[in-house]
């Protein structure tokens, strides 16, 4: 999946054919709707500023391991998110399910 806005280089026939050649599905924001990209842009900003080396990774395998570790071991498990009341996503999800299950049992 390749998600982008509707800038001309992403809507060109040549770019669409390139994605098609690699069997990548294109996802595109609606015209004038910047909110579609906001969560992904925020995530990639965090990834770049908190995890990526200034000079890039040694190779693809190192990049793959580093990004995977960042997402699973830090971003989802440790890193506080202001939208989640300062909890990492995994903790917020556990809290949600505990709270929703206790409310459901009271009915």
PDB file of N, CA and C in Angstrom:
ATOM      1  N   UNK A   1       0.856  -1.172   0.000  1.00  0.00           N
ATOM      2  CA  UNK A   1       0.000   0.000   0.000  1.00  0.00           C
ATOM      3  C   UNK A   1       0.898   1.229   0.000  1.00  0.00           C
ATOM      4  N   UNK A   2       0.610   2.159  -0.882  1.00  0.00           N
ATOM      5  CA  UNK A   2       1.335   3.424  -0.943  1.00  0.00           C
ATOM      6  C   UNK A   2       0.314   4.538  -0.764  1.00  0.00           C
ATOM      7  N   UNK A   3       0.401   5.269   0.340  1.00  0.00           N
ATOM      8  CA  UNK A   3      -0.540   6.343   0.606  1.00  0.00           C
ATOM      9  C   UNK A   3       0.125   7.684   0.333  1.00  0.00           C
ATOM     10  N   UNK A   4      -0.593   8.556  -0.370  1.00  0.00           N
ATOM     11  CA  UNK A   4      -0.041   9.868  -0.693  1.00  0.00           C
ATOM     12  C   UNK A   4      -1.172  10.880  -0.818  1.00  0.00           C
ATOM     13  N   UNK A   5      -0.787  12.124  -1.019  1.00  0.00           N
ATOM     14  CA  UNK A   5      -1.764  13.156  -1.354  1.00  0.00           C
ATOM     15  C   UNK A   5      -1.898  13.183  -2.876  1.00  0.00           C
ATOM     16  N   UNK A   6      -2.595  14.177  -3.409  1.00  0.00           N
ATOM     17  CA  UNK A   6      -2.872  14.207  -4.845  1.00  0.00           C
ATOM     18  C   UNK A   6      -1.938  15.123  -5.628  1.00  0.00           C
ATOM     19  N   UNK A   7      -0.701  15.227  -5.202  1.00  0.00           N
ATOM     20  CA  UNK A   7       0.260  16.017  -5.979  1.00  0.00           C
ATOM     21  C   UNK A   7       0.476  15.361  -7.334  1.00  0.00           C
ATOM     22  N   UNK A   8       0.844  16.172  -8.311  1.00  0.00           N
ATOM     23  CA  UNK A   8       0.900  15.701  -9.702  1.00  0.00           C
ATOM     24  C   UNK A   8       1.843  14.512  -9.899  1.00  0.00           C
ATOM     25  N   UNK A   9       2.936  14.450  -9.159  1.00  0.00           N
ATOM     26  CA  UNK A   9       3.851  13.328  -9.386  1.00  0.00           C
ATOM     27  C   UNK A   9       3.261  12.009  -8.874  1.00  0.00           C
ATOM     28  N   UNK A  10       2.295  12.054  -7.971  1.00  0.00           N
ATOM     29  CA  UNK A  10       1.646  10.830  -7.490  1.00  0.00           C
ATOM     30  C   UNK A  10       0.451  10.432  -8.354  1.00  0.00           C
ATOM     31  N   UNK A  11      -0.096  11.367  -9.120  1.00  0.00           N
ATOM     32  CA  UNK A  11      -1.247  11.068  -9.961  1.00  0.00           C
ATOM     33  C   UNK A  11      -0.863  10.802 -11.414  1.00  0.00           C
ATOM     34  N   UNK A  12       0.416  10.926 -11.729  1.00  0.00           N
ATOM     35  CA  UNK A  12       0.858  10.728 -13.117  1.00  0.00           C
ATOM     36  C   UNK A  12       0.708   9.263 -13.523  1.00  0.00           C
ATOM     37  N   UNK A  13       0.490   9.061 -14.798  1.00  0.00           N
ATOM     38  CA  UNK A  13       0.362   7.715 -15.345  1.00  0.00           C
ATOM     39  C   UNK A  13       1.638   6.911 -15.111  1.00  0.00           C
ATOM     40  N   UNK A  14       2.788   7.533 -15.281  1.00  0.00           N
ATOM     41  CA  UNK A  14       4.062   6.826 -15.098  1.00  0.00           C
ATOM     42  C   UNK A  14       4.201   6.302 -13.669  1.00  0.00           C
ATOM     43  N   UNK A  15       3.800   7.116 -12.683  1.00  0.00           N
ATOM     44  CA  UNK A  15       3.911   6.683 -11.293  1.00  0.00           C
ATOM     45  C   UNK A  15       2.925   5.553 -10.997  1.00  0.00           C
ATOM     46  N   UNK A  16       1.702   5.700 -11.514  1.00  0.00           N
ATOM     47  CA  UNK A  16       0.693   4.647 -11.313  1.00  0.00           C
ATOM     48  C   UNK A  16       1.160   3.326 -11.931  1.00  0.00           C
ATOM     49  N   UNK A  17       1.783   3.397 -13.093  1.00  0.00           N
ATOM     50  CA  UNK A  17       2.294   2.186 -13.740  1.00  0.00           C
ATOM     51  C   UNK A  17       3.443   1.568 -12.952  1.00  0.00           C
ATOM     52  N   UNK A  18       4.278   2.407 -12.367  1.00  0.00           N
ATOM     53  CA  UNK A  18       5.369   1.907 -11.531  1.00  0.00           C
ATOM     54  C   UNK A  18       4.815   1.128 -10.340  1.00  0.00           C
ATOM     55  N   UNK A  19       3.837   1.698  -9.651  1.00  0.00           N
ATOM     56  CA  UNK A  19       3.208   0.995  -8.531  1.00  0.00           C
ATOM     57  C   UNK A  19       2.567  -0.306  -8.996  1.00  0.00           C
ATOM     58  N   UNK A  20       1.855  -0.246 -10.113  1.00  0.00           N
ATOM     59  CA  UNK A  20       1.196  -1.421 -10.649  1.00  0.00           C
ATOM     60  C   UNK A  20       2.214  -2.520 -10.954  1.00  0.00           C
ATOM     61  N   UNK A  21       3.366  -2.128 -11.507  1.00  0.00           N
ATOM     62  CA  UNK A  21       4.424  -3.087 -11.836  1.00  0.00           C
ATOM     63  C   UNK A  21       4.952  -3.828 -10.623  1.00  0.00           C
ATOM     64  N   UNK A  22       4.945  -3.172  -9.484  1.00  0.00           N
ATOM     65  CA  UNK A  22       5.394  -3.801  -8.235  1.00  0.00           C
ATOM     66  C   UNK A  22       4.223  -4.367  -7.415  1.00  0.00           C
ATOM     67  N   UNK A  23       3.032  -4.349  -8.001  1.00  0.00           N
ATOM     68  CA  UNK A  23       1.814  -4.837  -7.361  1.00  0.00           C
ATOM     69  C   UNK A  23       1.543  -4.124  -6.034  1.00  0.00           C
ATOM     70  N   UNK A  24       1.742  -2.802  -6.059  1.00  0.00           N
ATOM     71  CA  UNK A  24       1.489  -1.965  -4.885  1.00  0.00           C
ATOM     72  C   UNK A  24       0.187  -1.218  -5.109  1.00  0.00           C
ATOM     73  N   UNK A  25      -0.710  -1.315  -4.158  1.00  0.00           N
ATOM     74  CA  UNK A  25      -1.985  -0.608  -4.257  1.00  0.00           C
ATOM     75  C   UNK A  25      -1.795   0.840  -3.823  1.00  0.00           C
ATOM     76  N   UNK A  26      -2.391   1.754  -4.565  1.00  0.00           N
ATOM     77  CA  UNK A  26      -2.274   3.171  -4.243  1.00  0.00           C
ATOM     78  C   UNK A  26      -3.487   3.633  -3.443  1.00  0.00           C
ATOM     79  N   UNK A  27      -3.214   4.375  -2.383  1.00  0.00           N
ATOM     80  CA  UNK A  27      -4.246   4.996  -1.566  1.00  0.00           C
ATOM     81  C   UNK A  27      -3.964   6.485  -1.604  1.00  0.00           C
ATOM     82  N   UNK A  28      -5.004   7.281  -1.798  1.00  0.00           N
ATOM     83  CA  UNK A  28      -4.775   8.710  -1.966  1.00  0.00           C
ATOM     84  C   UNK A  28      -5.772   9.516  -1.143  1.00  0.00           C
ATOM     85  N   UNK A  29      -5.292  10.582  -0.547  1.00  0.00           N
ATOM     86  CA  UNK A  29      -6.156  11.499   0.184  1.00  0.00           C
ATOM     87  C   UNK A  29      -7.154  12.152  -0.759  1.00  0.00           C
ATOM     88  N   UNK A  30      -8.301  12.493  -0.215  1.00  0.00           N
ATOM     89  CA  UNK A  30      -9.269  13.261  -0.998  1.00  0.00           C
ATOM     90  C   UNK A  30      -8.721  14.665  -1.222  1.00  0.00           C
ATOM     91  N   UNK A  31      -9.087  15.259  -2.303  1.00  0.00           N
ATOM     92  CA  UNK A  31      -8.613  16.599  -2.650  1.00  0.00           C
ATOM     93  C   UNK A  31      -8.984  17.590  -1.547  1.00  0.00           C
ATOM     94  N   UNK A  32      -7.997  18.322  -1.069  1.00  0.00           N
ATOM     95  CA  UNK A  32      -8.222  19.351  -0.065  1.00  0.00           C
ATOM     96  C   UNK A  32      -8.456  18.834   1.344  1.00  0.00           C
ATOM     97  N   UNK A  33      -8.254  17.542   1.556  1.00  0.00           N
ATOM     98  CA  UNK A  33      -8.490  16.980   2.889  1.00  0.00           C
ATOM     99  C   UNK A  33      -7.161  16.557   3.499  1.00  0.00           C
ATOM    100  N   UNK A  34      -6.523  17.472   4.188  1.00  0.00           N
ATOM    101  CA  UNK A  34      -5.190  17.195   4.746  1.00  0.00           C
ATOM    102  C   UNK A  34      -5.255  16.230   5.925  1.00  0.00           C
ATOM    103  N   UNK A  35      -6.425  16.015   6.510  1.00  0.00           N
ATOM    104  CA  UNK A  35      -6.524  15.146   7.695  1.00  0.00           C
ATOM    105  C   UNK A  35      -6.257  13.690   7.361  1.00  0.00           C
ATOM    106  N   UNK A  36      -6.453  13.280   6.110  1.00  0.00           N
ATOM    107  CA  UNK A  36      -6.194  11.890   5.741  1.00  0.00           C
ATOM    108  C   UNK A  36      -4.737  11.507   5.984  1.00  0.00           C
ATOM    109  N   UNK A  37      -3.827  12.428   5.719  1.00  0.00           N
ATOM    110  CA  UNK A  37      -2.399  12.135   5.855  1.00  0.00           C
ATOM    111  C   UNK A  37      -1.847  12.418   7.245  1.00  0.00           C
ATOM    112  N   UNK A  38      -2.542  13.179   8.050  1.00  0.00           N
ATOM    113  CA  UNK A  38      -1.993  13.654   9.320  1.00  0.00           C
ATOM    114  C   UNK A  38      -1.453  12.542  10.221  1.00  0.00           C
ATOM    115  N   UNK A  39      -2.187  11.443  10.474  1.00  0.00           N
ATOM    116  CA  UNK A  39      -1.636  10.419  11.368  1.00  0.00           C
ATOM    117  C   UNK A  39      -0.352   9.790  10.831  1.00  0.00           C
ATOM    118  N   UNK A  40      -0.299   9.516   9.530  1.00  0.00           N
ATOM    119  CA  UNK A  40       0.904   8.892   8.979  1.00  0.00           C
ATOM    120  C   UNK A  40       2.071   9.873   8.944  1.00  0.00           C
ATOM    121  N   UNK A  41       1.791  11.125   8.612  1.00  0.00           N
ATOM    122  CA  UNK A  41       2.869  12.108   8.610  1.00  0.00           C
ATOM    123  C   UNK A  41       3.438  12.287  10.012  1.00  0.00           C
ATOM    124  N   UNK A  42       2.589  12.262  11.012  1.00  0.00           N
ATOM    125  CA  UNK A  42       3.039  12.395  12.403  1.00  0.00           C
ATOM    126  C   UNK A  42       3.879  11.191  12.808  1.00  0.00           C
ATOM    127  N   UNK A  43       3.434   9.995  12.419  1.00  0.00           N
ATOM    128  CA  UNK A  43       4.195   8.791  12.735  1.00  0.00           C
ATOM    129  C   UNK A  43       5.571   8.837  12.077  1.00  0.00           C
ATOM    130  N   UNK A  44       5.622   9.170  10.785  1.00  0.00           N
ATOM    131  CA  UNK A  44       6.910   9.182  10.093  1.00  0.00           C
ATOM    132  C   UNK A  44       7.821  10.285  10.615  1.00  0.00           C
ATOM    133  N   UNK A  45       7.254  11.393  11.054  1.00  0.00           N
ATOM    134  CA  UNK A  45       8.082  12.424  11.685  1.00  0.00           C
ATOM    135  C   UNK A  45       8.727  11.871  12.952  1.00  0.00           C
ATOM    136  N   UNK A  46       7.943  11.175  13.762  1.00  0.00           N
ATOM    137  CA  UNK A  46       8.489  10.570  14.983  1.00  0.00           C
ATOM    138  C   UNK A  46       9.554   9.539  14.650  1.00  0.00           C
ATOM    139  N   UNK A  47       9.277   8.681  13.678  1.00  0.00           N
ATOM    140  CA  UNK A  47      10.250   7.663  13.279  1.00  0.00           C
ATOM    141  C   UNK A  47      11.558   8.309  12.836  1.00  0.00           C
ATOM    142  N   UNK A  48      11.462   9.332  12.007  1.00  0.00           N
ATOM    143  CA  UNK A  48      12.677   9.972  11.488  1.00  0.00           C
ATOM    144  C   UNK A  48      13.459  10.697  12.568  1.00  0.00           C
ATOM    145  N   UNK A  49      12.766  11.393  13.465  1.00  0.00           N
ATOM    146  CA  UNK A  49      13.481  12.185  14.469  1.00  0.00           C
ATOM    147  C   UNK A  49      13.934  11.358  15.666  1.00  0.00           C
ATOM    148  N   UNK A  50      13.252  10.276  15.958  1.00  0.00           N
ATOM    149  CA  UNK A  50      13.573   9.487  17.152  1.00  0.00           C
ATOM    150  C   UNK A  50      14.386   8.235  16.856  1.00  0.00           C
ATOM    151  N   UNK A  51      14.440   7.802  15.611  1.00  0.00           N
ATOM    152  CA  UNK A  51      15.045   6.495  15.355  1.00  0.00           C
ATOM    153  C   UNK A  51      16.056   6.465  14.218  1.00  0.00           C
ATOM    154  N   UNK A  52      15.875   7.242  13.177  1.00  0.00           N
ATOM    155  CA  UNK A  52      16.745   7.122  12.013  1.00  0.00           C
ATOM    156  C   UNK A  52      18.093   7.790  12.234  1.00  0.00           C
ATOM    157  N   UNK A  53      19.165   7.096  11.875  1.00  0.00           N
ATOM    158  CA  UNK A  53      20.482   7.721  11.955  1.00  0.00           C
ATOM    159  C   UNK A  53      20.599   8.869  10.947  1.00  0.00           C
ATOM    160  N   UNK A  54      21.349   9.875  11.279  1.00  0.00           N
ATOM    161  CA  UNK A  54      21.504  11.056  10.409  1.00  0.00           C
ATOM    162  C   UNK A  54      22.037  10.680   9.019  1.00  0.00           C
ATOM    163  N   UNK A  55      22.917   9.686   8.955  1.00  0.00           N
ATOM    164  CA  UNK A  55      23.520   9.289   7.682  1.00  0.00           C
ATOM    165  C   UNK A  55      22.853   8.063   7.064  1.00  0.00           C
ATOM    166  N   UNK A  56      21.702   7.671   7.565  1.00  0.00           N
ATOM    167  CA  UNK A  56      20.994   6.515   7.022  1.00  0.00           C
ATOM    168  C   UNK A  56      21.472   5.208   7.635  1.00  0.00           C
ATOM    169  N   UNK A  57      20.842   4.153   7.227  1.00  0.00           N
ATOM    170  CA  UNK A  57      21.175   2.817   7.738  1.00  0.00           C
ATOM    171  C   UNK A  57      22.276   2.178   6.902  1.00  0.00           C
ATOM    172  N   UNK A  58      22.967   1.207   7.503  1.00  0.00           N
ATOM    173  CA  UNK A  58      24.040   0.497   6.796  1.00  0.00           C
ATOM    174  C   UNK A  58      23.512  -0.228   5.563  1.00  0.00           C
ATOM    175  N   UNK A  59      22.378  -0.908   5.746  1.00  0.00           N
ATOM    176  CA  UNK A  59      21.788  -1.675   4.651  1.00  0.00           C
ATOM    177  C   UNK A  59      20.306  -1.912   4.959  1.00  0.00           C
ATOM    178  N   UNK A  60      19.627  -2.568   4.058  1.00  0.00           N
ATOM    179  CA  UNK A  60      18.191  -2.782   4.189  1.00  0.00           C
ATOM    180  C   UNK A  60      17.842  -3.650   5.395  1.00  0.00           C
ATOM    181  N   UNK A  61      18.648  -4.654   5.689  1.00  0.00           N
ATOM    182  CA  UNK A  61      18.371  -5.537   6.823  1.00  0.00           C
ATOM    183  C   UNK A  61      18.459  -4.772   8.147  1.00  0.00           C
ATOM    184  N   UNK A  62      19.437  -3.913   8.279  1.00  0.00           N
ATOM    185  CA  UNK A  62      19.583  -3.102   9.493  1.00  0.00           C
ATOM    186  C   UNK A  62      18.402  -2.147   9.613  1.00  0.00           C
ATOM    187  N   UNK A  63      18.003  -1.535   8.503  1.00  0.00           N
ATOM    188  CA  UNK A  63      16.846  -0.627   8.513  1.00  0.00           C
ATOM    189  C   UNK A  63      15.587  -1.377   8.913  1.00  0.00           C
ATOM    190  N   UNK A  64      15.387  -2.550   8.364  1.00  0.00           N
ATOM    191  CA  UNK A  64      14.211  -3.360   8.664  1.00  0.00           C
ATOM    192  C   UNK A  64      14.147  -3.692  10.158  1.00  0.00           C
ATOM    193  N   UNK A  65      15.253  -4.159  10.717  1.00  0.00           N
ATOM    194  CA  UNK A  65      15.306  -4.491  12.147  1.00  0.00           C
ATOM    195  C   UNK A  65      15.084  -3.257  13.016  1.00  0.00           C
ATOM    196  N   UNK A  66      15.700  -2.155  12.637  1.00  0.00           N
ATOM    197  CA  UNK A  66      15.590  -0.932  13.420  1.00  0.00           C
ATOM    198  C   UNK A  66      14.161  -0.390  13.439  1.00  0.00           C
ATOM    199  N   UNK A  67      13.530  -0.360  12.277  1.00  0.00           N
ATOM    200  CA  UNK A  67      12.153   0.147  12.206  1.00  0.00           C
ATOM    201  C   UNK A  67      11.200  -0.787  12.948  1.00  0.00           C
ATOM    202  N   UNK A  68      11.365  -2.082  12.777  1.00  0.00           N
ATOM    203  CA  UNK A  68      10.521  -3.052  13.490  1.00  0.00           C
ATOM    204  C   UNK A  68      10.675  -2.890  15.001  1.00  0.00           C
ATOM    205  N   UNK A  69      11.904  -2.779  15.482  1.00  0.00           N
ATOM    206  CA  UNK A  69      12.132  -2.587  16.920  1.00  0.00           C
ATOM    207  C   UNK A  69      11.518  -1.281  17.403  1.00  0.00           C
ATOM    208  N   UNK A  70      11.660  -0.228  16.610  1.00  0.00           N
ATOM    209  CA  UNK A  70      11.087   1.062  16.995  1.00  0.00           C
ATOM    210  C   UNK A  70       9.576   0.960  17.165  1.00  0.00           C
ATOM    211  N   UNK A  71       8.919   0.336  16.203  1.00  0.00           N
ATOM    212  CA  UNK A  71       7.451   0.250  16.257  1.00  0.00           C
ATOM    213  C   UNK A  71       6.992  -0.650  17.401  1.00  0.00           C
ATOM    214  N   UNK A  72       7.500  -1.869  17.465  1.00  0.00           N
ATOM    215  CA  UNK A  72       6.983  -2.843  18.426  1.00  0.00           C
ATOM    216  C   UNK A  72       7.537  -2.675  19.840  1.00  0.00           C
ATOM    217  N   UNK A  73       8.812  -2.339  19.941  1.00  0.00           N
ATOM    218  CA  UNK A  73       9.427  -2.286  21.274  1.00  0.00           C
ATOM    219  C   UNK A  73       9.393  -0.898  21.905  1.00  0.00           C
ATOM    220  N   UNK A  74       9.234   0.151  21.096  1.00  0.00           N
ATOM    221  CA  UNK A  74       9.238   1.491  21.660  1.00  0.00           C
ATOM    222  C   UNK A  74       7.937   2.246  21.384  1.00  0.00           C
ATOM    223  N   UNK A  75       7.606   2.477  20.130  1.00  0.00           N
ATOM    224  CA  UNK A  75       6.480   3.340  19.768  1.00  0.00           C
ATOM    225  C   UNK A  75       5.163   2.827  20.357  1.00  0.00           C
ATOM    226  N   UNK A  76       4.895   1.544  20.234  1.00  0.00           N
ATOM    227  CA  UNK A  76       3.632   0.988  20.740  1.00  0.00           C
ATOM    228  C   UNK A  76       3.672   0.593  22.202  1.00  0.00           C
ATOM    229  N   UNK A  77       4.853   0.375  22.755  1.00  0.00           N
ATOM    230  CA  UNK A  77       4.949  -0.172  24.112  1.00  0.00           C
ATOM    231  C   UNK A  77       5.444   0.805  25.168  1.00  0.00           C
ATOM    232  N   UNK A  78       6.267   1.767  24.802  1.00  0.00           N
ATOM    233  CA  UNK A  78       6.909   2.639  25.782  1.00  0.00           C
ATOM    234  C   UNK A  78       6.577   4.117  25.552  1.00  0.00           C
ATOM    235  N   UNK A  79       6.654   4.564  24.306  1.00  0.00           N
ATOM    236  CA  UNK A  79       6.535   5.992  23.988  1.00  0.00           C
ATOM    237  C   UNK A  79       5.171   6.555  24.384  1.00  0.00           C
ATOM    238  N   UNK A  80       5.142   7.593  25.232  1.00  0.00           N
ATOM    239  CA  UNK A  80       3.860   8.196  25.598  1.00  0.00           C
ATOM    240  C   UNK A  80       3.250   8.969  24.430  1.00  0.00           C
ATOM    241  N   UNK A  81       1.945   8.891  24.305  1.00  0.00           N
ATOM    242  CA  UNK A  81       1.222   9.595  23.256  1.00  0.00           C
ATOM    243  C   UNK A  81       0.248  10.559  23.923  1.00  0.00           C
ATOM    244  N   UNK A  82       0.341  11.819  23.580  1.00  0.00           N
ATOM    245  CA  UNK A  82      -0.521  12.821  24.220  1.00  0.00           C
ATOM    246  C   UNK A  82      -1.996  12.545  23.952  1.00  0.00           C
ATOM    247  N   UNK A  83      -2.324  12.024  22.790  1.00  0.00           N
ATOM    248  CA  UNK A  83      -3.715  11.709  22.466  1.00  0.00           C
ATOM    249  C   UNK A  83      -4.267  10.587  23.357  1.00  0.00           C
ATOM    250  N   UNK A  84      -3.387   9.758  23.879  1.00  0.00           N
ATOM    251  CA  UNK A  84      -3.773   8.632  24.742  1.00  0.00           C
ATOM    252  C   UNK A  84      -3.581   8.949  26.223  1.00  0.00           C
ATOM    253  N   UNK A  85      -3.676  10.207  26.573  1.00  0.00           N
ATOM    254  CA  UNK A  85      -3.491  10.633  27.973  1.00  0.00           C
ATOM    255  C   UNK A  85      -2.117  10.262  28.503  1.00  0.00           C
ATOM    256  N   UNK A  86      -1.121  10.309  27.632  1.00  0.00           N
ATOM    257  CA  UNK A  86       0.254  10.030  28.029  1.00  0.00           C
ATOM    258  C   UNK A  86       0.607   8.556  28.079  1.00  0.00           C
ATOM    259  N   UNK A  87      -0.288   7.695  27.634  1.00  0.00           N
ATOM    260  CA  UNK A  87      -0.017   6.250  27.627  1.00  0.00           C
ATOM    261  C   UNK A  87       0.431   5.802  26.246  1.00  0.00           C
ATOM    262  N   UNK A  88       1.283   4.775  26.183  1.00  0.00           N
ATOM    263  CA  UNK A  88       1.604   4.194  24.878  1.00  0.00           C
ATOM    264  C   UNK A  88       0.366   3.459  24.333  1.00  0.00           C
ATOM    265  N   UNK A  89       0.278   3.248  23.024  1.00  0.00           N
ATOM    266  CA  UNK A  89      -0.904   2.601  22.446  1.00  0.00           C
ATOM    267  C   UNK A  89      -1.267   1.254  23.078  1.00  0.00           C
ATOM    268  N   UNK A  90      -0.288   0.402  23.345  1.00  0.00           N
ATOM    269  CA  UNK A  90      -0.607  -0.904  23.929  1.00  0.00           C
ATOM    270  C   UNK A  90      -1.256  -0.762  25.305  1.00  0.00           C
ATOM    271  N   UNK A  91      -0.740   0.132  26.132  1.00  0.00           N
ATOM    272  CA  UNK A  91      -1.307   0.349  27.461  1.00  0.00           C
ATOM    273  C   UNK A  91      -2.700   0.957  27.377  1.00  0.00           C
ATOM    274  N   UNK A  92      -2.881   1.886  26.469  1.00  0.00           N
ATOM    275  CA  UNK A  92      -4.185   2.516  26.293  1.00  0.00           C
ATOM    276  C   UNK A  92      -5.221   1.494  25.834  1.00  0.00           C
ATOM    277  N   UNK A  93      -4.823   0.579  24.970  1.00  0.00           N
ATOM    278  CA  UNK A  93      -5.754  -0.451  24.504  1.00  0.00           C
ATOM    279  C   UNK A  93      -6.143  -1.390  25.642  1.00  0.00           C
ATOM    280  N   UNK A  94      -5.182  -1.787  26.460  1.00  0.00           N
ATOM    281  CA  UNK A  94      -5.491  -2.637  27.627  1.00  0.00           C
ATOM    282  C   UNK A  94      -6.450  -1.904  28.553  1.00  0.00           C
ATOM    283  N   UNK A  95      -6.172  -0.630  28.827  1.00  0.00           N
ATOM    284  CA  UNK A  95      -7.048   0.181  29.677  1.00  0.00           C
ATOM    285  C   UNK A  95      -8.459   0.248  29.090  1.00  0.00           C
ATOM    286  N   UNK A  96      -8.542   0.461  27.792  1.00  0.00           N
ATOM    287  CA  UNK A  96      -9.849   0.544  27.123  1.00  0.00           C
ATOM    288  C   UNK A  96     -10.637  -0.744  27.312  1.00  0.00           C
ATOM    289  N   UNK A  97     -10.001  -1.884  27.058  1.00  0.00           N
ATOM    290  CA  UNK A  97     -10.727  -3.152  27.151  1.00  0.00           C
ATOM    291  C   UNK A  97     -11.112  -3.477  28.584  1.00  0.00           C
ATOM    292  N   UNK A  98     -10.260  -3.170  29.535  1.00  0.00           N
ATOM    293  CA  UNK A  98     -10.620  -3.393  30.944  1.00  0.00           C
ATOM    294  C   UNK A  98     -11.806  -2.523  31.328  1.00  0.00           C
ATOM    295  N   UNK A  99     -11.776  -1.280  30.908  1.00  0.00           N
ATOM    296  CA  UNK A  99     -12.858  -0.343  31.236  1.00  0.00           C
ATOM    297  C   UNK A  99     -14.142  -0.729  30.537  1.00  0.00           C
ATOM    298  N   UNK A 100     -14.081  -1.052  29.258  1.00  0.00           N
ATOM    299  CA  UNK A 100     -15.302  -1.374  28.507  1.00  0.00           C
ATOM    300  C   UNK A 100     -15.902  -2.686  28.990  1.00  0.00           C
ATOM    301  N   UNK A 101     -15.070  -3.647  29.368  1.00  0.00           N
ATOM    302  CA  UNK A 101     -15.597  -4.937  29.859  1.00  0.00           C
ATOM    303  C   UNK A 101     -16.264  -4.747  31.222  1.00  0.00           C
ATOM    304  N   UNK A 102     -15.685  -3.919  32.083  1.00  0.00           N
ATOM    305  CA  UNK A 102     -16.306  -3.724  33.406  1.00  0.00           C
ATOM    306  C   UNK A 102     -17.625  -2.977  33.267  1.00  0.00           C
ATOM    307  N   UNK A 103     -17.708  -2.055  32.313  1.00  0.00           N
ATOM    308  CA  UNK A 103     -18.972  -1.338  32.091  1.00  0.00           C
ATOM    309  C   UNK A 103     -20.018  -2.284  31.524  1.00  0.00           C
ATOM    310  N   UNK A 104     -19.623  -3.173  30.640  1.00  0.00           N
ATOM    311  CA  UNK A 104     -20.560  -4.128  30.042  1.00  0.00           C
ATOM    312  C   UNK A 104     -21.095  -5.100  31.080  1.00  0.00           C
ATOM    313  N   UNK A 105     -20.279  -5.488  32.055  1.00  0.00           N
ATOM    314  CA  UNK A 105     -20.693  -6.445  33.084  1.00  0.00           C
ATOM    315  C   UNK A 105     -21.721  -5.836  34.043  1.00  0.00           C
ATOM    316  N   UNK A 106     -21.710  -4.507  34.198  1.00  0.00           N
ATOM    317  CA  UNK A 106     -22.631  -3.852  35.141  1.00  0.00           C
ATOM    318  C   UNK A 106     -24.060  -3.835  34.613  1.00  0.00           C
ATOM    319  N   UNK A 107     -24.243  -3.965  33.318  1.00  0.00           N
ATOM    320  CA  UNK A 107     -25.603  -3.914  32.745  1.00  0.00           C
ATOM    321  C   UNK A 107     -26.375  -5.180  32.979  1.00  0.00           C
TER     322      UNK A 107
END
